[in-house]
Amino acid sequence: MSVGRQRANNRIRVYRRTTVSLAATTSVSFLETVTPQYVMRSRMLRVIAILLLTTAPALAWEARSGRICELVHDGENASVRLTYDPAIPEYSIAITLSRAWRQGSIFAMRFEGPRGNTITTDRHVISGDGATVSVNDTGFGNVLNGLEFNHTARALLGDQAVAVSLAGAAPAVREFRACAEGLNV
C-alpha cells in the first residue's frame, strides 16, 4: 500500500494505493480517496485504543505456577494475593489497599453469592505501612470455595469493609487448586 498527496483547490487529498492479490500471480492496484479527516480520525482512534489498553487497571484474576502457587487480582478497591508454598506447607492471603487498614481484633472474609459464607480469624497481621492485611493457615478450602463459587468477597476488619469482585475468578481458582495439588504430590 502506498500513500500519495495531491493539492487541488487549496485542499489536500490523500490517495491510498491498495494492492489486492487475486491469485498467486495476479494482483490489481487501485486508488481510493482518503480525506484528511479520515486519516486524523483513524489516528485518534489508535491513540485512544493504546491509552485504554495501557492505562486501564488489570481487573482479571490470574493463577501463576512455579515453586509456589499464586492467585493474584488487582481490583478497583484492593489487590489480592493468595499463595501456597509446599515447603512449609502453608497458604496465605494478603489484601492490599491504597490506604491503611484500621486496627481490628477480628478479620473476616464474607463471600456473597450462591454459596455464601463468612470466615473469621484473630490471627491476621497488618503490615508495617498498614496497607496490607494477611492471614496464613495450613488449609484454605473455605476461602478457595468462596472465591470460586460466589460473585463478591468482602474483607472486613474493624469497621472497614472492602468489596472485591469475583467476576472471572473461578477458572483461575481452579488453576490455583491444580497447582497446589500438583506440588503436594
N, C-alpha and C. Protein backbone atom coordinates (compact mmCIF):
# COMPACT_ATOMS: atom_id res chain seq x y z
N MET A 1 0.85 -1.16 0.00
CA MET A 1 0.00 0.00 0.00
C MET A 1 0.90 1.22 0.00
N SER A 2 0.64 2.17 -0.86
CA SER A 2 1.39 3.41 -0.87
C SER A 2 0.43 4.56 -0.73
N VAL A 3 0.93 5.66 -0.20
CA VAL A 3 0.08 6.83 0.04
C VAL A 3 0.69 8.00 -0.70
N GLY A 4 -0.14 8.79 -1.38
CA GLY A 4 0.32 9.98 -2.07
C GLY A 4 -0.57 11.15 -1.72
N ARG A 5 -0.09 12.35 -1.97
CA ARG A 5 -0.87 13.55 -1.68
C ARG A 5 -1.00 14.39 -2.95
N GLN A 6 -2.10 15.05 -3.09
CA GLN A 6 -2.31 15.93 -4.24
C GLN A 6 -3.02 17.17 -3.74
N ARG A 7 -2.50 18.37 -4.15
CA ARG A 7 -3.12 19.61 -3.74
C ARG A 7 -4.02 20.08 -4.88
N ALA A 8 -5.29 20.31 -4.54
CA ALA A 8 -6.23 20.79 -5.55
C ALA A 8 -7.18 21.76 -4.87
N ASN A 9 -7.31 22.96 -5.45
CA ASN A 9 -8.20 23.99 -4.91
C ASN A 9 -7.93 24.27 -3.43
N ASN A 10 -6.67 24.40 -3.06
CA ASN A 10 -6.25 24.67 -1.69
C ASN A 10 -6.72 23.61 -0.69
N ARG A 11 -7.05 22.44 -1.16
CA ARG A 11 -7.42 21.34 -0.29
C ARG A 11 -6.48 20.18 -0.58
N ILE A 12 -6.10 19.51 0.45
CA ILE A 12 -5.21 18.37 0.29
C ILE A 12 -6.05 17.10 0.29
N ARG A 13 -5.78 16.27 -0.70
CA ARG A 13 -6.42 14.96 -0.76
C ARG A 13 -5.33 13.92 -0.62
N VAL A 14 -5.61 12.92 0.14
CA VAL A 14 -4.65 11.84 0.32
C VAL A 14 -5.18 10.65 -0.46
N TYR A 15 -4.30 10.07 -1.26
CA TYR A 15 -4.66 8.89 -2.03
C TYR A 15 -3.93 7.70 -1.46
N ARG A 16 -4.62 6.62 -1.34
CA ARG A 16 -4.01 5.39 -0.85
C ARG A 16 -4.08 4.37 -1.96
N ARG A 17 -2.92 3.84 -2.34
CA ARG A 17 -2.88 2.81 -3.36
C ARG A 17 -2.96 1.47 -2.65
N THR A 18 -3.94 0.71 -3.01
CA THR A 18 -4.15 -0.60 -2.38
C THR A 18 -3.95 -1.67 -3.43
N THR A 19 -3.18 -2.67 -3.07
CA THR A 19 -2.94 -3.79 -3.98
C THR A 19 -3.65 -5.01 -3.41
N VAL A 20 -4.44 -5.64 -4.26
CA VAL A 20 -5.20 -6.81 -3.85
C VAL A 20 -4.73 -7.99 -4.68
N SER A 21 -4.36 -9.06 -4.03
CA SER A 21 -3.94 -10.27 -4.76
C SER A 21 -5.16 -11.10 -5.09
N LEU A 22 -5.32 -11.39 -6.38
CA LEU A 22 -6.45 -12.20 -6.82
C LEU A 22 -6.06 -13.66 -6.94
N ALA A 23 -4.84 -13.93 -7.24
CA ALA A 23 -4.34 -15.30 -7.36
C ALA A 23 -2.86 -15.24 -7.04
N ALA A 24 -2.21 -16.35 -7.10
CA ALA A 24 -0.79 -16.41 -6.75
C ALA A 24 0.05 -15.48 -7.63
N THR A 25 -0.33 -15.28 -8.89
CA THR A 25 0.49 -14.48 -9.80
C THR A 25 -0.20 -13.21 -10.27
N THR A 26 -1.44 -12.94 -9.88
CA THR A 26 -2.19 -11.80 -10.36
C THR A 26 -2.55 -10.87 -9.21
N SER A 27 -2.35 -9.58 -9.45
CA SER A 27 -2.78 -8.61 -8.45
C SER A 27 -3.32 -7.38 -9.17
N VAL A 28 -4.18 -6.65 -8.50
CA VAL A 28 -4.80 -5.46 -9.05
C VAL A 28 -4.53 -4.30 -8.10
N SER A 29 -4.14 -3.17 -8.65
CA SER A 29 -3.93 -1.97 -7.84
C SER A 29 -5.01 -0.97 -8.17
N PHE A 30 -5.45 -0.23 -7.18
CA PHE A 30 -6.42 0.83 -7.42
C PHE A 30 -6.17 1.95 -6.42
N LEU A 31 -6.65 3.14 -6.78
CA LEU A 31 -6.52 4.30 -5.91
C LEU A 31 -7.85 4.54 -5.23
N GLU A 32 -7.79 4.82 -3.94
CA GLU A 32 -9.01 5.24 -3.27
C GLU A 32 -8.71 6.56 -2.57
N THR A 33 -9.69 7.43 -2.57
CA THR A 33 -9.50 8.74 -1.97
C THR A 33 -9.73 8.64 -0.47
N VAL A 34 -8.79 9.18 0.27
CA VAL A 34 -8.90 9.20 1.72
C VAL A 34 -8.81 10.66 2.14
N THR A 35 -9.82 11.15 2.82
CA THR A 35 -9.82 12.55 3.23
C THR A 35 -8.92 12.74 4.44
N PRO A 36 -8.40 13.94 4.63
CA PRO A 36 -7.58 14.22 5.81
C PRO A 36 -8.34 13.97 7.12
N GLN A 37 -9.65 14.21 7.11
CA GLN A 37 -10.45 13.96 8.31
C GLN A 37 -10.45 12.46 8.65
N TYR A 38 -10.51 11.63 7.62
CA TYR A 38 -10.47 10.18 7.85
C TYR A 38 -9.14 9.76 8.45
N VAL A 39 -8.06 10.30 7.92
CA VAL A 39 -6.73 9.97 8.42
C VAL A 39 -6.59 10.41 9.88
N MET A 40 -7.04 11.63 10.18
CA MET A 40 -6.94 12.15 11.54
C MET A 40 -7.81 11.32 12.49
N ARG A 41 -9.01 10.99 12.08
CA ARG A 41 -9.92 10.21 12.92
C ARG A 41 -9.33 8.83 13.21
N SER A 42 -8.75 8.18 12.21
CA SER A 42 -8.19 6.85 12.43
C SER A 42 -6.97 6.91 13.35
N ARG A 43 -6.18 7.98 13.22
CA ARG A 43 -5.03 8.14 14.13
C ARG A 43 -5.50 8.36 15.56
N MET A 44 -6.53 9.17 15.75
CA MET A 44 -7.06 9.43 17.10
C MET A 44 -7.61 8.15 17.72
N LEU A 45 -8.31 7.35 16.93
CA LEU A 45 -8.85 6.10 17.45
C LEU A 45 -7.72 5.16 17.88
N ARG A 46 -6.64 5.12 17.11
CA ARG A 46 -5.50 4.30 17.51
C ARG A 46 -4.89 4.78 18.82
N VAL A 47 -4.75 6.08 18.97
CA VAL A 47 -4.18 6.65 20.19
C VAL A 47 -5.08 6.32 21.39
N ILE A 48 -6.38 6.47 21.23
CA ILE A 48 -7.32 6.18 22.31
C ILE A 48 -7.24 4.70 22.68
N ALA A 49 -7.20 3.83 21.69
CA ALA A 49 -7.11 2.39 21.98
C ALA A 49 -5.84 2.05 22.74
N ILE A 50 -4.72 2.63 22.33
CA ILE A 50 -3.45 2.38 23.01
C ILE A 50 -3.51 2.88 24.45
N LEU A 51 -4.07 4.06 24.66
CA LEU A 51 -4.17 4.60 26.01
C LEU A 51 -5.05 3.74 26.90
N LEU A 52 -6.17 3.29 26.37
CA LEU A 52 -7.07 2.45 27.16
C LEU A 52 -6.42 1.12 27.51
N LEU A 53 -5.70 0.54 26.58
CA LEU A 53 -5.08 -0.75 26.83
C LEU A 53 -3.89 -0.67 27.77
N THR A 54 -3.21 0.45 27.80
CA THR A 54 -2.01 0.55 28.63
C THR A 54 -2.26 1.19 29.98
N THR A 55 -3.35 1.94 30.15
CA THR A 55 -3.58 2.61 31.42
C THR A 55 -4.70 2.00 32.24
N ALA A 56 -5.50 1.15 31.66
CA ALA A 56 -6.60 0.55 32.42
C ALA A 56 -6.04 -0.46 33.41
N PRO A 57 -6.64 -0.50 34.61
CA PRO A 57 -6.15 -1.48 35.59
C PRO A 57 -6.48 -2.89 35.15
N ALA A 58 -5.61 -3.80 35.50
CA ALA A 58 -5.85 -5.20 35.19
C ALA A 58 -6.82 -5.73 36.22
N LEU A 59 -8.03 -6.05 35.80
CA LEU A 59 -9.05 -6.49 36.73
C LEU A 59 -9.24 -8.00 36.70
N ALA A 60 -8.43 -8.70 35.98
CA ALA A 60 -8.59 -10.14 35.85
C ALA A 60 -7.93 -10.87 37.02
N TRP A 61 -8.44 -12.06 37.30
CA TRP A 61 -7.81 -12.97 38.25
C TRP A 61 -6.82 -13.81 37.46
N GLU A 62 -5.65 -14.05 38.05
CA GLU A 62 -4.60 -14.79 37.34
C GLU A 62 -3.95 -15.80 38.28
N ALA A 63 -3.82 -17.04 37.82
CA ALA A 63 -3.11 -18.07 38.56
C ALA A 63 -1.71 -18.20 37.98
N ARG A 64 -0.73 -18.33 38.86
CA ARG A 64 0.66 -18.48 38.43
C ARG A 64 1.24 -19.71 39.10
N SER A 65 1.93 -20.52 38.31
CA SER A 65 2.54 -21.74 38.83
C SER A 65 4.05 -21.58 38.85
N GLY A 66 4.68 -22.21 39.81
CA GLY A 66 6.13 -22.17 39.94
C GLY A 66 6.52 -22.94 41.18
N ARG A 67 7.56 -22.48 41.85
CA ARG A 67 7.97 -23.11 43.10
C ARG A 67 6.88 -22.97 44.15
N ILE A 68 6.15 -21.84 44.08
CA ILE A 68 4.95 -21.66 44.88
C ILE A 68 3.81 -21.35 43.92
N CYS A 69 2.59 -21.62 44.35
CA CYS A 69 1.41 -21.30 43.54
C CYS A 69 0.90 -19.93 43.97
N GLU A 70 0.47 -19.14 43.00
CA GLU A 70 -0.06 -17.81 43.29
C GLU A 70 -1.39 -17.60 42.59
N LEU A 71 -2.27 -16.87 43.24
CA LEU A 71 -3.52 -16.40 42.66
C LEU A 71 -3.56 -14.92 42.95
N VAL A 72 -3.55 -14.09 41.90
CA VAL A 72 -3.47 -12.65 42.09
C VAL A 72 -4.61 -11.94 41.38
N HIS A 73 -4.97 -10.79 41.96
CA HIS A 73 -6.03 -9.95 41.40
C HIS A 73 -5.76 -8.51 41.81
N ASP A 74 -5.64 -7.62 40.83
CA ASP A 74 -5.52 -6.19 41.10
C ASP A 74 -6.86 -5.56 40.77
N GLY A 75 -7.68 -5.37 41.77
CA GLY A 75 -9.03 -4.84 41.57
C GLY A 75 -9.09 -3.34 41.79
N GLU A 76 -10.29 -2.81 41.64
CA GLU A 76 -10.50 -1.38 41.81
C GLU A 76 -10.30 -0.95 43.26
N ASN A 77 -10.73 -1.80 44.20
CA ASN A 77 -10.68 -1.44 45.62
C ASN A 77 -9.48 -2.01 46.36
N ALA A 78 -8.95 -3.12 45.87
CA ALA A 78 -7.87 -3.79 46.59
C ALA A 78 -7.13 -4.74 45.66
N SER A 79 -5.90 -5.06 46.05
CA SER A 79 -5.13 -6.11 45.38
C SER A 79 -5.15 -7.32 46.30
N VAL A 80 -5.38 -8.50 45.70
CA VAL A 80 -5.46 -9.74 46.47
C VAL A 80 -4.37 -10.68 45.96
N ARG A 81 -3.68 -11.32 46.90
CA ARG A 81 -2.64 -12.30 46.53
C ARG A 81 -2.76 -13.49 47.46
N LEU A 82 -3.06 -14.64 46.88
CA LEU A 82 -3.04 -15.91 47.61
C LEU A 82 -1.82 -16.68 47.18
N THR A 83 -1.19 -17.36 48.12
CA THR A 83 -0.04 -18.20 47.77
C THR A 83 -0.18 -19.54 48.48
N TYR A 84 0.44 -20.54 47.88
CA TYR A 84 0.60 -21.83 48.53
C TYR A 84 2.06 -22.24 48.37
N ASP A 85 2.72 -22.48 49.50
CA ASP A 85 4.12 -22.88 49.49
C ASP A 85 4.21 -24.29 50.05
N PRO A 86 4.52 -25.29 49.20
CA PRO A 86 4.55 -26.68 49.67
C PRO A 86 5.71 -26.97 50.62
N ALA A 87 6.72 -26.12 50.64
CA ALA A 87 7.86 -26.34 51.54
C ALA A 87 7.45 -26.16 53.00
N ILE A 88 6.41 -25.37 53.26
CA ILE A 88 6.03 -25.09 54.65
C ILE A 88 5.09 -26.17 55.21
N PRO A 89 4.10 -26.72 54.67
CA PRO A 89 3.15 -26.29 53.63
C PRO A 89 2.13 -25.33 54.25
N GLU A 90 1.92 -24.21 53.54
CA GLU A 90 1.05 -23.19 54.10
C GLU A 90 0.46 -22.31 52.99
N TYR A 91 -0.80 -21.94 53.21
CA TYR A 91 -1.48 -20.99 52.34
C TYR A 91 -1.40 -19.61 53.00
N SER A 92 -1.44 -18.57 52.18
CA SER A 92 -1.54 -17.21 52.73
C SER A 92 -2.42 -16.38 51.80
N ILE A 93 -3.06 -15.40 52.40
CA ILE A 93 -3.82 -14.42 51.62
C ILE A 93 -3.39 -13.05 52.12
N ALA A 94 -3.16 -12.14 51.19
CA ALA A 94 -2.79 -10.76 51.51
C ALA A 94 -3.69 -9.84 50.71
N ILE A 95 -4.32 -8.90 51.40
CA ILE A 95 -5.21 -7.93 50.75
C ILE A 95 -4.62 -6.56 51.00
N THR A 96 -4.28 -5.88 49.92
CA THR A 96 -3.58 -4.58 49.99
C THR A 96 -4.49 -3.47 49.47
N LEU A 97 -4.56 -2.41 50.24
CA LEU A 97 -5.34 -1.23 49.87
C LEU A 97 -4.40 -0.09 49.48
N SER A 98 -4.95 0.95 48.88
CA SER A 98 -4.16 2.15 48.59
C SER A 98 -4.05 3.03 49.83
N ARG A 99 -4.82 2.74 50.84
CA ARG A 99 -4.77 3.44 52.12
C ARG A 99 -4.52 2.40 53.21
N ALA A 100 -4.36 2.84 54.42
CA ALA A 100 -4.06 1.91 55.52
C ALA A 100 -5.34 1.27 56.07
N TRP A 101 -5.20 0.01 56.47
CA TRP A 101 -6.26 -0.67 57.21
C TRP A 101 -6.27 -0.10 58.63
N ARG A 102 -7.44 0.00 59.22
CA ARG A 102 -7.53 0.37 60.63
C ARG A 102 -7.45 -0.91 61.45
N GLN A 103 -6.92 -0.80 62.65
CA GLN A 103 -6.78 -1.97 63.52
C GLN A 103 -8.14 -2.55 63.86
N GLY A 104 -8.17 -3.86 64.03
CA GLY A 104 -9.37 -4.56 64.45
C GLY A 104 -8.97 -5.90 65.03
N SER A 105 -9.74 -6.39 65.97
CA SER A 105 -9.37 -7.65 66.63
C SER A 105 -9.75 -8.88 65.80
N ILE A 106 -10.74 -8.75 64.94
CA ILE A 106 -11.20 -9.87 64.11
C ILE A 106 -11.15 -9.47 62.64
N PHE A 107 -10.55 -10.33 61.81
CA PHE A 107 -10.57 -10.15 60.36
C PHE A 107 -11.55 -11.18 59.81
N ALA A 108 -12.37 -10.77 58.86
CA ALA A 108 -13.35 -11.69 58.27
C ALA A 108 -13.36 -11.54 56.76
N MET A 109 -13.69 -12.64 56.10
CA MET A 109 -13.96 -12.64 54.65
C MET A 109 -15.40 -13.11 54.51
N ARG A 110 -16.24 -12.26 53.95
CA ARG A 110 -17.64 -12.62 53.71
C ARG A 110 -17.82 -12.80 52.20
N PHE A 111 -18.24 -13.99 51.82
CA PHE A 111 -18.45 -14.30 50.41
C PHE A 111 -19.94 -14.20 50.12
N GLU A 112 -20.28 -13.40 49.11
CA GLU A 112 -21.68 -13.17 48.76
C GLU A 112 -21.97 -13.81 47.42
N GLY A 113 -23.02 -14.63 47.37
CA GLY A 113 -23.40 -15.32 46.15
C GLY A 113 -24.10 -16.61 46.46
N PRO A 114 -24.16 -17.52 45.50
CA PRO A 114 -24.91 -18.76 45.66
C PRO A 114 -24.38 -19.67 46.77
N ARG A 115 -23.11 -19.57 47.08
CA ARG A 115 -22.53 -20.39 48.16
C ARG A 115 -21.86 -19.49 49.19
N GLY A 116 -22.65 -18.51 49.65
CA GLY A 116 -22.16 -17.51 50.58
C GLY A 116 -21.65 -18.13 51.88
N ASN A 117 -20.68 -17.45 52.49
CA ASN A 117 -20.07 -17.95 53.71
C ASN A 117 -19.28 -16.80 54.33
N THR A 118 -19.10 -16.84 55.64
CA THR A 118 -18.25 -15.87 56.32
C THR A 118 -17.21 -16.63 57.13
N ILE A 119 -15.95 -16.25 56.96
CA ILE A 119 -14.83 -16.89 57.64
C ILE A 119 -14.18 -15.82 58.51
N THR A 120 -13.91 -16.13 59.77
CA THR A 120 -13.29 -15.14 60.66
C THR A 120 -12.02 -15.71 61.29
N THR A 121 -11.13 -14.80 61.67
CA THR A 121 -9.91 -15.19 62.37
C THR A 121 -9.39 -14.02 63.20
N ASP A 122 -8.66 -14.36 64.25
CA ASP A 122 -7.97 -13.33 65.02
C ASP A 122 -6.46 -13.44 64.79
N ARG A 123 -6.05 -14.26 63.82
CA ARG A 123 -4.63 -14.49 63.53
C ARG A 123 -4.15 -13.70 62.30
N HIS A 124 -4.71 -12.55 62.08
CA HIS A 124 -4.31 -11.70 60.96
C HIS A 124 -3.14 -10.80 61.38
N VAL A 125 -2.41 -10.33 60.38
CA VAL A 125 -1.27 -9.44 60.60
C VAL A 125 -1.41 -8.25 59.66
N ILE A 126 -1.19 -7.06 60.19
CA ILE A 126 -1.21 -5.85 59.36
C ILE A 126 0.24 -5.45 59.13
N SER A 127 0.58 -5.14 57.88
CA SER A 127 1.95 -4.78 57.51
C SER A 127 2.40 -3.50 58.21
N GLY A 128 3.69 -3.25 58.18
CA GLY A 128 4.26 -2.07 58.82
C GLY A 128 3.67 -0.76 58.33
N ASP A 129 3.39 -0.67 57.01
CA ASP A 129 2.80 0.57 56.48
C ASP A 129 1.28 0.60 56.62
N GLY A 130 0.70 -0.51 57.11
CA GLY A 130 -0.74 -0.56 57.35
C GLY A 130 -1.59 -0.86 56.13
N ALA A 131 -0.99 -0.96 54.95
CA ALA A 131 -1.75 -1.12 53.72
C ALA A 131 -2.20 -2.55 53.46
N THR A 132 -1.52 -3.54 54.07
CA THR A 132 -1.81 -4.95 53.77
C THR A 132 -2.20 -5.70 55.02
N VAL A 133 -3.28 -6.46 54.91
CA VAL A 133 -3.66 -7.39 55.97
C VAL A 133 -3.45 -8.79 55.40
N SER A 134 -2.84 -9.68 56.18
CA SER A 134 -2.57 -11.03 55.68
C SER A 134 -2.91 -12.06 56.74
N VAL A 135 -3.21 -13.27 56.24
CA VAL A 135 -3.54 -14.41 57.09
C VAL A 135 -2.84 -15.63 56.50
N ASN A 136 -2.22 -16.44 57.35
CA ASN A 136 -1.59 -17.70 56.94
C ASN A 136 -2.30 -18.85 57.64
N ASP A 137 -2.42 -19.98 56.92
CA ASP A 137 -3.05 -21.17 57.50
C ASP A 137 -2.66 -22.39 56.67
N THR A 138 -2.81 -23.56 57.26
CA THR A 138 -2.48 -24.80 56.54
C THR A 138 -3.61 -25.27 55.63
N GLY A 139 -4.81 -24.75 55.79
CA GLY A 139 -5.94 -25.12 54.93
C GLY A 139 -6.70 -23.88 54.49
N PHE A 140 -7.05 -23.84 53.23
CA PHE A 140 -7.77 -22.69 52.69
C PHE A 140 -8.98 -23.14 51.87
N GLY A 141 -9.50 -24.32 52.12
CA GLY A 141 -10.63 -24.83 51.34
C GLY A 141 -11.82 -23.90 51.31
N ASN A 142 -12.21 -23.36 52.47
CA ASN A 142 -13.36 -22.45 52.53
C ASN A 142 -13.10 -21.15 51.77
N VAL A 143 -11.87 -20.65 51.84
CA VAL A 143 -11.51 -19.43 51.12
C VAL A 143 -11.59 -19.68 49.61
N LEU A 144 -10.99 -20.80 49.17
CA LEU A 144 -11.00 -21.11 47.73
C LEU A 144 -12.42 -21.36 47.23
N ASN A 145 -13.25 -22.06 48.02
CA ASN A 145 -14.65 -22.25 47.64
C ASN A 145 -15.37 -20.92 47.54
N GLY A 146 -15.12 -20.04 48.50
CA GLY A 146 -15.76 -18.72 48.47
C GLY A 146 -15.37 -17.93 47.23
N LEU A 147 -14.11 -17.97 46.88
CA LEU A 147 -13.64 -17.24 45.69
C LEU A 147 -14.19 -17.84 44.40
N GLU A 148 -14.28 -19.17 44.35
CA GLU A 148 -14.69 -19.84 43.12
C GLU A 148 -16.19 -19.78 42.86
N PHE A 149 -17.01 -19.86 43.89
CA PHE A 149 -18.45 -20.07 43.69
C PHE A 149 -19.33 -18.88 44.03
N ASN A 150 -18.77 -17.71 44.22
CA ASN A 150 -19.56 -16.53 44.58
C ASN A 150 -19.22 -15.35 43.67
N HIS A 151 -19.94 -14.23 43.85
CA HIS A 151 -19.72 -13.08 42.97
C HIS A 151 -18.99 -11.93 43.65
N THR A 152 -18.95 -11.89 44.99
CA THR A 152 -18.27 -10.81 45.69
C THR A 152 -17.64 -11.35 46.96
N ALA A 153 -16.45 -10.86 47.27
CA ALA A 153 -15.81 -11.14 48.56
C ALA A 153 -15.67 -9.81 49.28
N ARG A 154 -16.01 -9.78 50.55
CA ARG A 154 -15.83 -8.59 51.36
C ARG A 154 -14.83 -8.87 52.46
N ALA A 155 -13.76 -8.09 52.47
CA ALA A 155 -12.78 -8.18 53.55
C ALA A 155 -13.23 -7.22 54.64
N LEU A 156 -13.37 -7.73 55.85
CA LEU A 156 -13.89 -6.95 56.96
C LEU A 156 -12.86 -6.90 58.08
N LEU A 157 -12.53 -5.70 58.52
CA LEU A 157 -11.60 -5.52 59.63
C LEU A 157 -12.06 -4.30 60.40
N GLY A 158 -12.42 -4.50 61.66
CA GLY A 158 -12.97 -3.40 62.45
C GLY A 158 -14.22 -2.89 61.78
N ASP A 159 -14.26 -1.58 61.54
CA ASP A 159 -15.43 -1.00 60.87
C ASP A 159 -15.22 -0.82 59.37
N GLN A 160 -14.15 -1.39 58.83
CA GLN A 160 -13.88 -1.30 57.39
C GLN A 160 -14.43 -2.51 56.66
N ALA A 161 -14.98 -2.27 55.48
CA ALA A 161 -15.44 -3.34 54.60
C ALA A 161 -14.98 -2.99 53.18
N VAL A 162 -14.23 -3.90 52.57
CA VAL A 162 -13.71 -3.66 51.22
C VAL A 162 -14.22 -4.77 50.32
N ALA A 163 -14.97 -4.38 49.28
CA ALA A 163 -15.55 -5.35 48.34
C ALA A 163 -14.55 -5.66 47.23
N VAL A 164 -14.49 -6.94 46.87
CA VAL A 164 -13.64 -7.40 45.77
C VAL A 164 -14.53 -8.22 44.84
N SER A 165 -14.58 -7.82 43.58
CA SER A 165 -15.37 -8.56 42.60
C SER A 165 -14.72 -9.91 42.30
N LEU A 166 -15.54 -10.94 42.23
CA LEU A 166 -15.05 -12.27 41.91
C LEU A 166 -15.38 -12.65 40.46
N ALA A 167 -15.78 -11.67 39.66
CA ALA A 167 -16.08 -11.94 38.25
C ALA A 167 -14.83 -12.49 37.57
N GLY A 168 -14.94 -13.65 36.97
CA GLY A 168 -13.83 -14.28 36.27
C GLY A 168 -12.84 -14.99 37.17
N ALA A 169 -13.13 -15.10 38.46
CA ALA A 169 -12.18 -15.72 39.39
C ALA A 169 -12.19 -17.25 39.30
N ALA A 170 -13.32 -17.84 38.99
CA ALA A 170 -13.46 -19.31 39.07
C ALA A 170 -12.40 -20.08 38.28
N PRO A 171 -12.15 -19.78 37.00
CA PRO A 171 -11.12 -20.54 36.28
C PRO A 171 -9.73 -20.40 36.90
N ALA A 172 -9.39 -19.22 37.37
CA ALA A 172 -8.08 -19.01 37.99
C ALA A 172 -7.98 -19.75 39.32
N VAL A 173 -9.08 -19.82 40.07
CA VAL A 173 -9.08 -20.56 41.33
C VAL A 173 -8.87 -22.05 41.05
N ARG A 174 -9.50 -22.56 40.01
CA ARG A 174 -9.31 -23.98 39.64
C ARG A 174 -7.86 -24.25 39.26
N GLU A 175 -7.24 -23.33 38.52
CA GLU A 175 -5.82 -23.48 38.17
C GLU A 175 -4.94 -23.45 39.42
N PHE A 176 -5.27 -22.56 40.35
CA PHE A 176 -4.52 -22.47 41.60
C PHE A 176 -4.64 -23.78 42.39
N ARG A 177 -5.84 -24.32 42.48
CA ARG A 177 -6.05 -25.60 43.18
C ARG A 177 -5.21 -26.71 42.52
N ALA A 178 -5.24 -26.76 41.19
CA ALA A 178 -4.49 -27.81 40.46
C ALA A 178 -2.98 -27.65 40.73
N CYS A 179 -2.51 -26.43 40.77
CA CYS A 179 -1.10 -26.17 41.07
C CYS A 179 -0.76 -26.68 42.47
N ALA A 180 -1.59 -26.31 43.44
CA ALA A 180 -1.32 -26.72 44.83
C ALA A 180 -1.37 -28.24 44.98
N GLU A 181 -2.31 -28.89 44.32
CA GLU A 181 -2.40 -30.34 44.39
C GLU A 181 -1.19 -30.98 43.72
N GLY A 182 -0.75 -30.41 42.62
CA GLY A 182 0.42 -30.94 41.90
C GLY A 182 1.71 -30.81 42.69
N LEU A 183 1.83 -29.73 43.46
CA LEU A 183 3.04 -29.55 44.26
C LEU A 183 3.05 -30.43 45.50
N ASN A 184 1.87 -30.93 45.91
CA ASN A 184 1.80 -31.79 47.08
C ASN A 184 2.13 -33.24 46.77
N VAL A 185 2.22 -33.57 45.49
CA VAL A 185 2.45 -34.98 45.10
C VAL A 185 3.85 -35.40 45.45
